[in-house]
Protein backbone atom coordinates (compact mmCIF):
# COMPACT_ATOMS: atom_id res chain seq x y z
CA MET A 1 183.87 89.89 -134.19
CA TRP A 2 186.97 91.65 -132.96
CA LYS A 3 186.97 93.87 -129.95
CA ILE A 4 189.80 96.33 -129.48
CA ASN A 5 190.67 98.28 -126.37
CA ARG A 6 193.67 99.50 -124.46
CA LYS A 7 192.81 98.31 -120.99
CA LYS A 8 195.56 97.00 -118.73
CA ARG A 9 195.58 93.33 -117.72
CA ILE A 10 197.33 91.32 -115.06
CA LEU A 11 200.51 89.45 -115.88
CA PRO A 12 199.90 86.81 -118.56
CA ALA A 13 202.00 83.76 -119.24
CA ALA A 14 202.41 83.78 -123.00
CA VAL A 15 204.52 85.40 -125.66
CA CYS A 16 204.90 85.41 -129.45
CA MET A 17 207.55 87.42 -131.28
CA ALA A 18 207.00 88.43 -134.90
CA LEU A 19 209.50 90.33 -137.04
CA LEU A 20 208.08 92.21 -140.01
CA GLY A 21 210.69 93.70 -142.35
CA GLY A 22 209.89 96.99 -144.05
CA THR A 23 210.35 100.71 -144.10
CA VAL A 24 210.80 102.82 -141.02
CA LEU A 25 207.93 105.25 -140.64
CA GLY A 26 209.80 107.57 -138.31
CA LEU A 27 211.25 107.34 -134.84
CA THR A 28 207.93 107.79 -133.13
CA GLY A 29 206.14 105.40 -135.48
CA PRO A 30 202.47 105.28 -136.25
CA ALA A 31 199.95 105.73 -133.47
CA TRP A 32 198.04 102.63 -132.40
CA PRO A 33 194.51 102.52 -133.78
CA VAL A 34 191.96 103.26 -131.11
CA GLN A 35 188.92 102.05 -132.98
CA ALA A 36 188.36 98.66 -134.60
CA ALA A 37 188.67 98.31 -138.31
CA SER A 38 186.12 96.25 -140.21
CA LEU A 39 186.19 92.50 -139.71
CA VAL A 40 185.88 90.19 -142.70
CA ASP A 41 186.14 86.43 -142.17
CA GLY A 42 188.49 86.53 -139.19
CA SER A 43 190.76 89.32 -140.37
CA ILE A 44 191.22 92.95 -139.41
CA ASP A 45 192.96 95.86 -141.15
CA PHE A 46 194.68 98.28 -138.77
CA GLN A 47 195.43 100.64 -141.72
CA GLN A 48 198.92 101.43 -140.45
CA GLY A 49 200.99 99.80 -143.19
CA SER A 50 201.22 96.82 -145.54
CA ALA A 51 202.54 94.15 -143.20
CA SER A 52 200.43 91.42 -141.63
CA ILE A 53 200.69 88.71 -139.02
CA ILE A 54 198.72 85.49 -139.47
CA ILE A 55 198.02 83.59 -136.27
CA GLN A 56 197.22 79.91 -136.59
CA GLY A 57 196.13 77.70 -133.74
CA GLN A 58 197.26 74.13 -133.25
CA GLU A 59 195.35 71.33 -134.86
CA GLY A 60 192.11 70.86 -132.96
CA GLN A 61 192.60 74.09 -131.03
CA THR A 62 190.36 77.05 -131.82
CA LEU A 63 191.46 80.65 -131.54
CA ALA A 64 187.90 81.76 -130.80
CA GLY A 65 187.70 83.16 -127.30
CA LYS A 66 191.40 83.98 -127.12
CA GLU A 67 192.78 87.41 -126.36
CA PHE A 68 196.07 88.96 -127.45
CA ARG A 69 198.01 92.10 -126.63
CA ILE A 70 200.33 93.47 -129.32
CA TYR A 71 203.43 95.59 -128.77
CA GLN A 72 205.59 97.05 -131.56
CA LEU A 73 209.01 96.99 -129.90
CA LEU A 74 211.11 97.97 -132.92
CA TYR A 75 210.67 99.69 -136.27
CA ALA A 76 212.21 98.00 -139.30
CA GLU A 77 213.63 99.20 -142.61
CA ASN A 78 214.67 96.83 -145.41
CA SER A 79 217.31 97.76 -147.94
CA GLN A 80 216.12 97.99 -151.52
CA SER A 81 217.71 94.66 -152.49
CA GLY A 82 216.56 92.96 -149.29
CA GLU A 83 220.06 91.89 -148.23
CA SER A 84 219.87 93.97 -145.05
CA VAL A 85 217.39 95.16 -142.45
CA GLN A 86 217.80 98.06 -140.06
CA TYR A 87 215.99 98.26 -136.72
CA THR A 88 215.32 101.20 -134.45
CA VAL A 89 213.82 101.08 -130.98
CA ASN A 90 210.27 102.27 -130.41
CA PRO A 91 210.69 104.96 -127.72
CA ALA A 92 207.56 103.69 -125.96
CA PHE A 93 209.42 100.50 -125.00
CA ALA A 94 212.98 101.81 -124.80
CA GLY A 95 212.94 101.87 -120.98
CA ALA A 96 211.80 98.26 -120.67
CA LEU A 97 214.35 97.09 -123.25
CA LYS A 98 217.17 98.96 -121.50
CA THR A 99 216.23 97.49 -118.12
CA VAL A 100 216.25 93.90 -119.34
CA VAL A 101 219.32 94.17 -121.57
CA GLY A 102 221.21 96.15 -118.94
CA GLY A 103 220.48 93.48 -116.37
CA ARG A 104 221.76 90.78 -118.68
CA LEU A 105 224.89 92.73 -119.61
CA GLY A 106 225.54 93.81 -116.04
CA THR A 107 225.29 97.45 -117.14
CA ASP A 108 223.44 100.43 -115.72
CA PRO A 109 220.18 100.44 -117.73
CA SER A 110 220.35 104.19 -118.20
CA ALA A 111 223.68 103.77 -120.00
CA VAL A 112 222.44 101.09 -122.43
CA THR A 113 222.41 102.37 -126.02
CA GLU A 114 220.09 101.50 -128.87
CA TYR A 115 222.84 99.58 -130.66
CA GLN A 116 223.55 97.55 -127.52
CA ILE A 117 219.87 96.57 -127.37
CA LEU A 118 219.80 95.52 -131.01
CA ASP A 119 223.13 93.72 -130.92
CA TYR A 120 222.17 91.80 -127.80
CA MET A 121 218.86 90.68 -129.30
CA GLN A 122 220.66 89.67 -132.51
CA SER A 123 223.07 87.56 -130.48
CA LEU A 124 220.12 85.45 -129.36
CA ASN A 125 219.06 84.68 -132.92
CA ASN A 126 220.65 81.23 -133.27
CA GLY A 127 223.78 82.87 -134.69
CA GLN A 128 221.95 83.95 -137.86
CA THR A 129 222.90 87.34 -139.29
CA GLU A 130 221.43 87.16 -142.79
CA GLY A 131 219.30 89.91 -144.26
CA ALA A 132 215.60 90.61 -144.21
CA GLN A 133 214.52 87.93 -146.68
CA ALA A 134 216.45 85.02 -145.15
CA GLU A 135 214.57 82.05 -143.78
CA GLN A 136 215.29 81.81 -140.08
CA GLU A 137 215.01 78.84 -137.81
CA GLU A 138 212.51 78.86 -135.02
CA VAL A 139 214.01 79.70 -131.68
CA GLY A 140 213.39 76.89 -129.24
CA ARG A 141 211.34 77.19 -126.11
CA TYR A 142 214.22 76.24 -123.90
CA SER A 143 216.50 78.83 -125.51
CA ASP A 144 217.94 81.89 -123.85
CA PHE A 145 215.92 84.01 -126.26
CA ARG A 146 212.69 82.62 -124.86
CA TYR A 147 213.68 83.58 -121.33
CA PHE A 148 214.71 87.02 -122.57
CA VAL A 149 211.23 87.46 -124.03
CA GLU A 150 209.66 86.39 -120.72
CA GLU A 151 211.76 88.94 -118.84
CA LEU A 152 210.86 91.66 -121.31
CA ARG A 153 207.16 90.92 -121.11
CA THR A 154 207.33 91.00 -117.31
CA GLU A 155 209.05 94.38 -117.39
CA ILE A 156 206.52 95.79 -119.86
CA VAL A 157 203.69 94.78 -117.58
CA ARG A 158 205.53 96.11 -114.51
CA GLU A 159 205.88 99.49 -116.19
CA GLN A 160 202.22 99.33 -117.24
CA LEU A 161 203.05 100.03 -120.87
CA GLU A 162 200.10 99.99 -123.20
CA GLY A 163 199.58 97.55 -126.02
CA LEU A 164 196.82 97.00 -128.50
CA GLU A 165 194.42 94.40 -127.16
CA VAL A 166 192.47 92.16 -129.48
CA SER A 167 189.69 89.76 -128.44
CA VAL A 168 188.72 87.01 -130.87
CA GLU A 169 185.06 86.05 -130.97
CA SER A 170 185.19 84.28 -134.34
CA THR A 171 187.79 83.19 -136.86
CA GLY A 172 187.92 82.70 -140.61
CA GLU A 173 186.92 79.47 -142.29
CA ASN A 174 190.44 78.08 -142.01
CA GLY A 175 190.60 78.86 -138.30
CA GLN A 176 193.26 81.54 -138.77
CA ILE A 177 193.13 85.16 -137.75
CA VAL A 178 194.91 87.88 -139.72
CA LEU A 179 196.27 91.05 -138.16
CA GLY A 180 196.60 93.12 -141.34
CA GLY A 181 197.55 96.68 -142.15
CA LEU A 182 200.44 96.74 -139.66
CA ALA A 183 203.52 98.92 -139.91
CA TYR A 184 206.77 97.02 -140.47
CA GLY A 185 208.61 96.23 -137.29
CA TYR A 186 209.37 93.76 -134.56
CA TYR A 187 206.28 92.80 -132.59
CA LEU A 188 205.69 91.08 -129.31
CA ILE A 189 202.32 89.30 -129.36
CA ASP A 190 201.22 88.35 -125.90
CA GLU A 191 198.34 85.98 -125.34
CA VAL A 192 196.38 87.11 -122.31
CA THR A 193 193.41 84.79 -122.41
CA ASP A 194 191.73 84.49 -119.03
CA VAL A 195 191.15 80.98 -117.79
CA ALA A 196 188.18 80.86 -115.42
CA ASP A 197 188.80 84.52 -114.49
CA SER A 198 191.68 83.52 -112.29
CA SER A 199 194.78 83.17 -114.40
CA GLN A 200 195.98 83.27 -117.97
CA ALA A 201 196.68 80.87 -120.75
CA ALA A 202 200.13 79.71 -121.68
CA SER A 203 201.14 80.65 -125.20
CA LEU A 204 204.84 80.18 -125.77
CA CYS A 205 205.13 80.70 -129.48
CA MET A 206 208.02 82.64 -130.99
CA THR A 207 208.93 83.28 -134.59
CA ASP A 208 211.88 85.13 -136.05
CA THR A 209 211.39 86.31 -139.63
CA ALA A 210 211.67 89.59 -141.48
CA ASN A 211 209.18 88.96 -144.27
CA PRO A 212 206.29 91.43 -144.76
CA GLU A 213 203.87 88.62 -143.99
CA VAL A 214 204.56 86.23 -141.16
CA THR A 215 202.60 83.26 -139.90
CA VAL A 216 202.93 82.29 -136.25
CA GLN A 217 201.39 79.22 -134.69
CA ILE A 218 199.93 79.68 -131.26
CA LYS A 219 201.49 76.76 -129.47
CA SER A 220 199.74 77.64 -126.29
CA ASP A 221 197.56 74.79 -125.26
CA TYR A 222 195.82 74.43 -121.97
CA PRO A 223 192.85 72.47 -120.71
CA THR A 224 189.70 74.48 -121.38
CA GLU A 225 187.50 72.09 -119.43
CA VAL A 226 187.37 68.95 -117.37
CA LYS A 227 184.40 66.76 -118.14
CA LYS A 228 182.76 65.11 -115.15
CA THR A 229 180.21 62.32 -115.50
CA ILE A 230 178.21 60.03 -113.25
CA LEU A 231 177.27 56.43 -114.03
CA GLU A 232 173.51 55.85 -114.17
CA ASP A 233 172.83 52.18 -113.45
CA ASP A 234 169.21 52.23 -114.64
CA GLY A 235 168.35 52.04 -118.32
CA GLU A 236 170.81 52.94 -121.06
CA ALA A 237 172.00 56.39 -119.94
CA GLY A 238 175.41 55.08 -118.80
CA TRP A 239 178.02 57.77 -118.17
CA ASN A 240 176.22 61.12 -118.26
CA VAL A 241 175.59 64.08 -115.91
CA ILE A 242 172.37 62.91 -114.19
CA GLY A 243 171.66 59.88 -112.02
CA ASP A 244 169.42 58.57 -109.26
CA TYR A 245 170.28 56.11 -106.50
CA GLU A 246 169.23 54.48 -103.26
CA ILE A 247 170.62 55.69 -99.98
CA GLY A 248 173.67 53.57 -99.19
CA GLN A 249 174.33 52.88 -102.86
CA THR A 250 177.73 53.39 -104.47
CA VAL A 251 177.80 56.31 -106.91
CA PRO A 252 180.56 56.05 -109.58
CA TYR A 253 182.13 59.26 -110.90
CA LYS A 254 184.60 59.98 -113.70
CA TYR A 255 186.73 62.93 -114.86
CA GLU A 256 188.22 63.28 -118.32
CA ALA A 257 190.70 65.95 -119.41
CA LEU A 258 193.00 66.25 -122.40
CA VAL A 259 196.75 66.50 -121.95
CA PRO A 260 197.71 69.87 -123.48
CA ASP A 261 200.83 70.63 -125.49
CA LEU A 262 203.51 70.38 -122.81
CA TYR A 263 206.36 71.49 -125.05
CA GLY A 264 208.29 74.18 -123.22
CA TYR A 265 207.51 72.94 -119.73
CA HIS A 266 210.06 71.30 -117.48
CA THR A 267 207.32 69.92 -115.22
CA TYR A 268 203.55 70.13 -115.41
CA TYR A 269 201.19 70.24 -112.43
CA PHE A 270 197.72 68.70 -112.93
CA ALA A 271 195.19 68.60 -110.10
CA PHE A 272 191.46 67.89 -109.82
CA HIS A 273 189.59 69.82 -107.11
CA ASP A 274 186.33 68.14 -106.07
CA LEU A 275 183.52 69.58 -103.96
CA MET A 276 180.75 67.20 -102.87
CA ASP A 277 177.33 67.65 -101.37
CA GLU A 278 177.21 66.63 -97.70
CA ALA A 279 174.91 63.76 -98.67
CA LEU A 280 177.83 62.10 -100.48
CA ASP A 281 180.69 60.28 -98.76
CA PHE A 282 183.95 60.09 -100.73
CA ASP A 283 185.71 56.70 -100.88
CA SER A 284 189.38 57.64 -101.10
CA GLY A 285 190.40 54.04 -101.70
CA SER A 286 188.41 53.85 -104.92
CA VAL A 287 190.50 56.39 -106.88
CA ALA A 288 192.11 55.19 -110.12
CA VAL A 289 194.02 57.38 -112.60
CA GLU A 290 194.73 56.40 -116.20
CA ILE A 291 196.27 58.05 -119.24
CA ARG A 292 194.94 56.87 -122.60
CA GLN A 293 195.97 57.29 -126.20
CA GLY A 294 194.18 55.06 -128.68
CA GLU A 295 194.48 51.49 -127.45
CA THR A 296 197.38 52.30 -125.14
CA VAL A 297 196.46 52.72 -121.47
CA TYR A 298 198.79 53.51 -118.60
CA THR A 299 197.52 53.24 -115.02
CA LEU A 300 199.33 55.52 -112.61
CA GLY A 301 200.84 53.99 -109.54
CA SER A 302 199.79 55.28 -106.15
CA GLU A 303 203.15 57.05 -105.83
CA GLU A 304 202.51 59.07 -109.01
CA TYR A 305 199.51 60.97 -107.67
CA GLN A 306 198.21 62.09 -104.30
CA VAL A 307 194.71 62.14 -102.84
CA ARG A 308 194.33 64.91 -100.30
CA THR A 309 191.40 65.66 -98.01
CA ASP A 310 193.17 68.29 -95.91
CA THR A 311 192.87 71.38 -98.09
CA GLY A 312 189.78 72.76 -96.35
CA GLU A 313 188.54 74.38 -99.55
CA GLU A 314 187.00 71.32 -101.17
CA THR A 315 186.08 67.77 -100.28
CA PHE A 316 189.25 66.33 -101.77
CA LEU A 317 192.05 66.97 -104.24
CA ILE A 318 193.68 64.52 -106.65
CA GLU A 319 197.00 65.95 -107.79
CA ILE A 320 199.66 64.80 -110.22
CA ALA A 321 202.84 66.68 -109.39
CA ASP A 322 204.45 66.14 -112.80
CA LEU A 323 202.17 64.95 -115.58
CA LYS A 324 204.80 65.74 -118.21
CA ALA A 325 207.32 63.28 -116.78
CA ILE A 326 204.76 60.46 -116.87
CA VAL A 327 203.49 61.22 -120.37
CA ASP A 328 206.99 61.63 -121.80
CA ARG A 329 208.04 58.33 -120.27
CA GLU A 330 205.00 56.22 -121.13
CA PHE A 331 203.98 57.86 -124.44
CA ASP A 332 207.32 58.76 -126.00
CA GLN A 333 206.70 59.89 -129.58
CA SER A 334 209.50 62.42 -129.80
CA ASP A 335 210.59 63.78 -133.16
CA GLU A 336 214.16 64.57 -134.22
CA GLU A 337 214.10 67.77 -132.21
CA GLY A 338 213.02 65.90 -129.10
CA ARG A 339 209.49 67.26 -129.17
CA ASN A 340 206.89 64.78 -127.96
CA GLN A 341 203.34 64.48 -129.25
CA TYR A 342 200.58 65.23 -126.75
CA GLY A 343 196.79 65.10 -126.68
CA GLN A 344 196.33 62.02 -124.48
CA THR A 345 193.33 61.75 -122.17
CA VAL A 346 193.65 61.67 -118.39
CA THR A 347 190.80 59.67 -116.86
CA VAL A 348 190.08 59.59 -113.14
CA THR A 349 187.44 57.32 -111.63
CA TYR A 350 186.31 57.12 -108.03
CA GLN A 351 183.24 56.30 -105.95
CA ALA A 352 181.12 57.94 -103.34
CA VAL A 353 178.20 56.68 -101.26
CA LEU A 354 174.84 58.42 -100.96
CA ASN A 355 174.47 58.73 -97.20
CA GLU A 356 171.52 59.15 -94.82
CA LYS A 357 171.60 62.96 -95.06
CA ALA A 358 169.91 62.49 -98.42
CA ALA A 359 166.70 61.53 -96.56
CA ALA A 360 166.18 65.19 -95.66
CA ASP A 361 166.20 66.38 -99.26
CA THR A 362 164.61 63.89 -101.63
CA GLY A 363 163.60 65.03 -105.12
CA ARG A 364 164.79 68.44 -106.24
CA PRO A 365 167.33 70.01 -106.10
CA GLY A 366 169.34 66.79 -105.95
CA PHE A 367 172.90 66.34 -104.75
CA GLU A 368 175.57 68.06 -106.80
CA ASN A 369 179.22 67.21 -107.22
CA HIS A 370 181.62 69.78 -108.68
CA VAL A 371 185.14 69.61 -110.09
CA TYR A 372 187.66 71.98 -111.65
CA LEU A 373 191.11 71.30 -113.03
CA GLU A 374 194.16 73.26 -111.90
CA PHE A 375 197.15 73.17 -114.24
CA SER A 376 200.55 74.77 -114.85
CA ASN A 377 200.35 77.78 -117.12
CA ASN A 378 203.83 79.24 -116.91
CA PRO A 379 206.72 77.11 -118.15
CA ASP A 380 209.12 79.21 -116.07
CA ALA A 381 207.39 78.26 -112.85
CA ASP A 382 208.42 74.58 -112.92
CA GLY A 383 204.99 73.57 -111.70
CA GLU A 384 205.01 75.86 -108.70
CA GLY A 385 203.29 79.13 -108.02
CA GLU A 386 201.65 79.92 -111.35
CA THR A 387 198.66 77.88 -112.38
CA GLY A 388 195.43 78.31 -114.28
CA ARG A 389 192.14 76.56 -113.79
CA THR A 390 189.13 75.48 -115.76
CA PRO A 391 185.56 76.43 -114.88
CA TRP A 392 183.69 74.15 -112.49
CA ASP A 393 181.94 71.17 -114.06
CA THR A 394 178.96 69.74 -112.20
CA VAL A 395 176.84 66.59 -112.12
CA VAL A 396 173.78 65.78 -110.03
CA CYS A 397 171.97 62.78 -108.55
CA PHE A 398 168.55 62.32 -106.99
CA THR A 399 166.70 59.99 -104.65
CA TYR A 400 162.99 59.53 -103.84
CA GLU A 401 160.58 58.94 -100.97
CA LEU A 402 157.58 56.63 -100.55
CA ASP A 403 154.75 58.12 -98.46
CA GLY A 404 152.42 55.25 -97.57
CA LEU A 405 149.01 55.27 -95.90
CA LYS A 406 147.30 52.20 -94.43
CA MET A 407 143.49 52.34 -94.12
CA ASN A 408 140.33 50.30 -94.61
CA GLU A 409 137.68 50.88 -97.24
CA LYS A 410 135.89 53.26 -94.86
CA GLU A 411 139.03 55.42 -94.66
CA LEU A 412 139.78 54.44 -91.10
CA LYS A 413 143.54 54.79 -90.53
CA LEU A 414 145.10 51.50 -89.50
CA GLU A 415 148.04 51.16 -87.14
CA GLY A 416 150.39 48.20 -86.93
CA ALA A 417 150.51 46.98 -90.52
CA GLU A 418 153.97 45.55 -91.24
CA PHE A 419 155.66 45.54 -94.63
CA ARG A 420 158.96 44.51 -96.14
CA LEU A 421 160.40 45.84 -99.38
CA TYR A 422 161.95 43.64 -102.06
CA SER A 423 163.70 44.11 -105.39
CA ASP A 424 162.48 40.89 -107.02
CA PRO A 425 158.95 39.52 -107.70
CA GLU A 426 159.67 36.36 -105.67
CA CYS A 427 160.39 38.56 -102.64
CA ARG A 428 163.71 36.90 -101.91
CA GLU A 429 166.02 39.93 -102.19
CA GLU A 430 164.96 42.28 -99.44
CA VAL A 431 165.65 45.99 -99.72
CA TYR A 432 166.71 46.57 -96.14
CA VAL A 433 165.58 49.60 -94.18
CA ARG A 434 166.40 50.96 -90.76
CA GLU A 435 164.50 53.40 -88.59
CA ASN A 436 165.28 57.01 -89.35
CA PRO A 437 167.49 58.20 -86.46
CA ASP A 438 166.66 61.84 -87.17
CA GLY A 439 162.91 61.59 -87.43
CA GLU A 440 159.98 59.50 -88.55
CA GLY A 441 159.97 56.78 -91.14
CA TYR A 442 162.62 54.43 -92.47
CA ILE A 443 165.82 54.83 -94.52
CA VAL A 444 166.92 52.43 -97.22
CA VAL A 445 170.22 50.61 -96.70
CA ASN A 446 171.47 49.59 -100.12
CA ARG A 447 173.45 46.37 -100.15
CA ASP A 448 176.49 48.16 -101.55
CA SER A 449 176.93 49.35 -97.96
CA LEU A 450 176.57 45.81 -96.64
CA GLY A 451 179.27 44.07 -98.64
CA GLY A 452 176.91 43.15 -101.47
CA SER A 453 176.15 44.58 -104.86
CA ASP A 454 173.14 46.89 -105.10
CA HIS A 455 170.24 44.46 -104.39
CA THR A 456 172.09 41.18 -103.95
CA GLY A 457 174.52 39.70 -101.45
CA GLY A 458 175.91 41.29 -98.37
CA THR A 459 174.99 40.82 -94.73
CA ALA A 460 171.69 41.98 -93.28
CA PRO A 461 172.22 44.92 -90.92
CA GLU A 462 171.60 44.24 -87.25
CA ASP A 463 169.18 47.12 -87.07
CA ALA A 464 167.19 46.10 -90.16
CA ALA A 465 163.51 46.75 -89.49
CA ALA A 466 160.09 45.99 -90.87
CA ILE A 467 158.13 48.97 -92.14
CA VAL A 468 155.24 49.58 -89.70
CA SER A 469 152.30 51.97 -90.09
CA ASP A 470 151.96 54.42 -87.20
CA ALA A 471 148.86 55.54 -85.29
CA GLN A 472 147.87 57.68 -88.25
CA GLY A 473 148.29 54.77 -90.65
CA ALA A 474 151.35 56.44 -92.19
CA PHE A 475 154.67 54.88 -93.15
CA ARG A 476 157.53 56.58 -94.99
CA VAL A 477 160.55 55.13 -96.76
CA TYR A 478 163.39 57.50 -97.72
CA GLY A 479 166.07 56.89 -100.33
CA LEU A 480 164.47 54.96 -103.18
CA ASP A 481 165.85 54.66 -106.70
CA SER A 482 163.89 54.71 -109.92
CA GLY A 483 162.66 51.30 -111.04
CA VAL A 484 160.43 48.52 -109.68
CA TYR A 485 159.93 47.57 -106.03
CA TYR A 486 157.76 44.91 -104.39
CA LEU A 487 156.05 45.94 -101.15
CA LYS A 488 154.82 42.87 -99.27
CA GLU A 489 152.48 43.05 -96.28
CA ILE A 490 153.80 40.51 -93.79
CA GLN A 491 151.43 41.38 -90.96
CA ALA A 492 148.03 43.07 -91.26
CA PRO A 493 146.58 45.24 -88.51
CA GLU A 494 144.75 43.28 -85.83
CA GLY A 495 141.46 41.95 -87.14
CA TYR A 496 142.35 42.37 -90.83
CA ARG A 497 143.41 39.97 -93.56
CA PRO A 498 146.86 40.75 -95.09
CA LEU A 499 147.30 41.14 -98.81
CA LEU A 500 148.57 37.83 -100.16
CA ASP A 501 150.47 39.32 -103.10
CA PRO A 502 153.08 42.09 -102.98
CA ILE A 503 152.22 45.50 -104.36
CA VAL A 504 154.28 46.17 -107.47
CA LEU A 505 155.52 49.75 -107.24
CA THR A 506 157.15 51.43 -110.27
CA ILE A 507 158.92 54.80 -109.94
CA THR A 508 159.61 56.60 -113.23
CA PRO A 509 161.37 59.98 -113.34
CA THR A 510 161.59 61.96 -116.58
CA PHE A 511 164.93 63.71 -117.01
CA ALA A 512 166.18 66.26 -119.52
CA GLU A 513 166.63 64.84 -123.01
CA ASP A 514 170.19 66.13 -123.18
CA ARG A 515 172.04 64.31 -120.43
CA THR A 516 175.44 65.62 -121.46
CA GLU A 517 175.18 69.15 -120.05
CA TYR A 518 174.36 70.33 -116.55
CA LEU A 519 174.69 73.79 -115.00
CA GLU A 520 175.07 74.31 -111.29
CA GLY A 521 171.69 74.91 -109.66
CA ASP A 522 169.60 73.44 -112.48
CA GLY A 523 168.64 70.52 -110.26
CA ALA A 524 166.38 72.85 -108.31
CA THR A 525 164.34 73.60 -111.43
CA ASP A 526 162.30 71.46 -113.79
CA LYS A 527 165.08 71.57 -116.40
CA ILE A 528 166.68 68.35 -115.17
CA LEU A 529 164.13 66.32 -113.16
CA ARG A 530 161.20 67.31 -115.33
CA GLU A 531 158.57 64.96 -113.95
CA LEU A 532 158.14 62.18 -111.45
CA ALA A 533 155.58 59.45 -112.10
CA ALA A 534 154.68 56.26 -110.26
CA SER A 535 152.23 53.41 -110.64
CA ALA A 536 151.12 50.41 -108.60
CA ASP A 537 149.75 46.93 -109.34
CA ILE A 538 147.58 45.70 -106.43
CA ARG A 539 146.01 42.23 -106.15
CA SER A 540 143.74 41.21 -103.27
CA PHE A 541 141.32 38.34 -102.48
CA TYR A 542 137.95 38.99 -100.86
CA ASP A 543 134.54 37.33 -100.95
CA GLY A 544 135.80 34.37 -102.91
CA GLU A 545 137.41 36.26 -105.78
CA TYR A 546 140.58 38.12 -106.72
CA ILE A 547 140.48 41.85 -107.23
CA GLU A 548 143.25 43.17 -109.48
CA GLU A 549 144.14 46.80 -110.07
CA LYS A 550 146.95 47.30 -112.60
CA GLY A 551 148.81 50.45 -113.45
CA VAL A 552 147.14 52.58 -110.80
CA GLN A 553 148.64 56.06 -111.25
CA LEU A 554 149.90 57.42 -107.95
CA GLU A 555 150.10 60.99 -106.81
CA THR A 556 153.68 62.33 -106.94
CA ASP A 557 155.61 65.53 -106.26
CA ALA A 558 158.88 66.02 -108.18
CA ASP A 559 159.96 68.93 -105.97
CA GLN A 560 159.69 66.80 -102.85
CA GLY A 561 160.53 63.56 -104.64
CA THR A 562 157.52 61.85 -103.06
CA VAL A 563 155.31 58.99 -104.22
CA ASN A 564 151.99 58.58 -102.38
CA LEU A 565 150.63 55.05 -101.97
CA THR A 566 147.42 54.05 -100.14
CA VAL A 567 147.14 50.42 -99.04
CA VAL A 568 143.60 49.31 -98.20
CA ASN A 569 142.64 46.39 -95.96
CA ARG A 570 138.94 45.60 -96.26
CA THR A 571 136.95 44.80 -93.17
CA GLY A 572 136.43 41.02 -92.93
CA SER A 573 132.96 39.36 -92.90
CA ARG A 574 132.23 37.18 -89.83
CA LEU A 575 130.99 33.61 -90.17
CA PRO A 576 127.15 33.21 -89.88
CA ALA A 577 125.79 32.84 -86.31
CA THR A 578 122.27 33.42 -84.80
CA GLY A 579 120.65 33.06 -81.31
CA ASN A 580 116.86 32.25 -82.02
CA SER A 581 114.81 29.54 -80.14
CA ALA A 582 114.52 27.18 -83.10
CA VAL A 583 118.22 26.80 -83.22
CA LEU A 584 118.35 26.24 -79.48
CA LEU A 585 115.65 23.53 -79.65
CA LEU A 586 117.39 21.77 -82.49
CA THR A 587 120.61 21.90 -80.59
CA ALA A 588 119.00 20.47 -77.41
CA GLY A 589 117.18 17.74 -79.36
CA GLY A 590 120.36 16.73 -81.07
CA ALA A 591 122.13 16.50 -77.76
CA ALA A 592 119.35 14.25 -76.33
CA MET A 593 119.46 11.95 -79.32
CA MET A 594 123.23 11.71 -79.04
CA GLY A 595 122.92 10.82 -75.33
CA THR A 596 120.36 8.03 -76.03
CA ALA A 597 122.58 6.52 -78.71
CA LEU A 598 125.55 6.45 -76.39
CA LEU A 599 123.49 4.72 -73.62
CA ILE A 600 122.31 1.93 -76.00
CA LEU A 601 125.91 1.32 -77.17
CA ALA A 602 127.08 1.04 -73.58
CA ARG A 603 124.43 -1.57 -72.68
CA LYS A 604 125.27 -3.69 -75.73
CA ARG A 605 128.93 -3.67 -74.76
CA ARG A 606 128.17 -4.88 -71.20
CA ASN A 607 125.92 -7.71 -72.45
CA SER A 608 128.55 -8.95 -74.83
CA LEU A 609 131.11 -9.12 -72.04
CA ARG A 610 128.80 -11.22 -69.82
CA SER A 611 128.21 -13.75 -72.48
């Protein structure tokens, strides 16, 4: 649909000029339509005349969602044979035209005549003076005419002159939009698309023709989004928007953004603003920036971008002062007019570490990381002062907690049981833990933080601890990942037999099926972490036989991210012993018999020595 209104907008950064030859409808011209005409397949009929402007976006660039403001600066009249066209100034914009032309001619604006305005504008037309039907060359973006148009647009906005505003919600099948039923004249078409409600798009398209129908290509191009992903190391999810990790584990992140059409810019500022949860520690030394096109990859040197942590508004900022210079140098595909081809992908990768603050908030809502892209949107600004930005893009990660309880089969809580956690069934790769400095329980120390890689290598921390059940039989471990763990009892409570085999603990979260989209705050709901399940395999040996329990479903809480595990030590049976008289008599008799035997042996030994 089209929406039409006459509201005033803040200064945009885009201009198109369209010249429609035709018949003058009078000095005052037709009034702008106040109500929308009917929309049919991306076109609209203003019912003011027989001229039309067709707006075509660049290849791969949709016009849906864009907004334009239209000003009829001049009226036009073609001669009958088409060899000449006569323009007259629309009084509504005469003041703005006089101000700009007067400034350029060094003349008092009030003294500028209509002919001076028209002659000056004609002088900027690449020296072409042919009639209404002549094909005219496109005026370049670095031309004086382009800067004249920028000045004029600025003056129109300063004077708060009204234009017809058109919002595009859908286009025709070919992606074009048609502004039909216009009076003949010279139009300024100003793209005023908001980018993240903070600035405007950059559309620097100009055309110079006097035909009744004119097609203009919106050469504005600007990043509409930056895509942020997180690398899930479990399963096949790979780069997506959801992950889970151990505390101390390295969390890889990636941004991807397309290089827009930079034609018309002298320099182009490109900066990623990142805001992290406090449970994530940014590793500034891990940043890498690449530009890709097909199989060609260019890695930026450290001098070509800057990592800043001093802005105070976000966790850090990665800025490229002049993306255009790098792309034009490394991906030079310039045509005869010196126009390069754009559309490359900028990829930024970096790492963070899930820190111990995550222990206070396991499960939902998770730990979010946000990014938005800031970019140049005014070619006149040379990369300074006027920028647009994309909306925030967000990813999330989670971690979990083991709530253990040690007791006997009579539900007596047992203190002093000691456990160690491992990542392998042979119990060779310990998952180190340290005592929680901010409260009860233990916090996982992933080996990424110890010079190793996830669950292998590295150096054991000096404060590594065994997991010990307290006076209530409880033990808690914060910061677990999804997957399989092996909990081995290395010391049973006093008077109890330890379990000989480790408990096999499996933690299984269920995430949203679509792992490509995440909205800020969704981690606190069941949209992302839908369920949390866990199971345990327990094998024990009592009374001469093994007792195996496989796939025991454990109680869990996705909101809290907790898995509840009860470890039972059975009371041991004592060896048989009695105190009745029969036993005592037998014992005494046996002792007497043993004494007699020893006496006989001693006598035999003495006799043999004498002989």
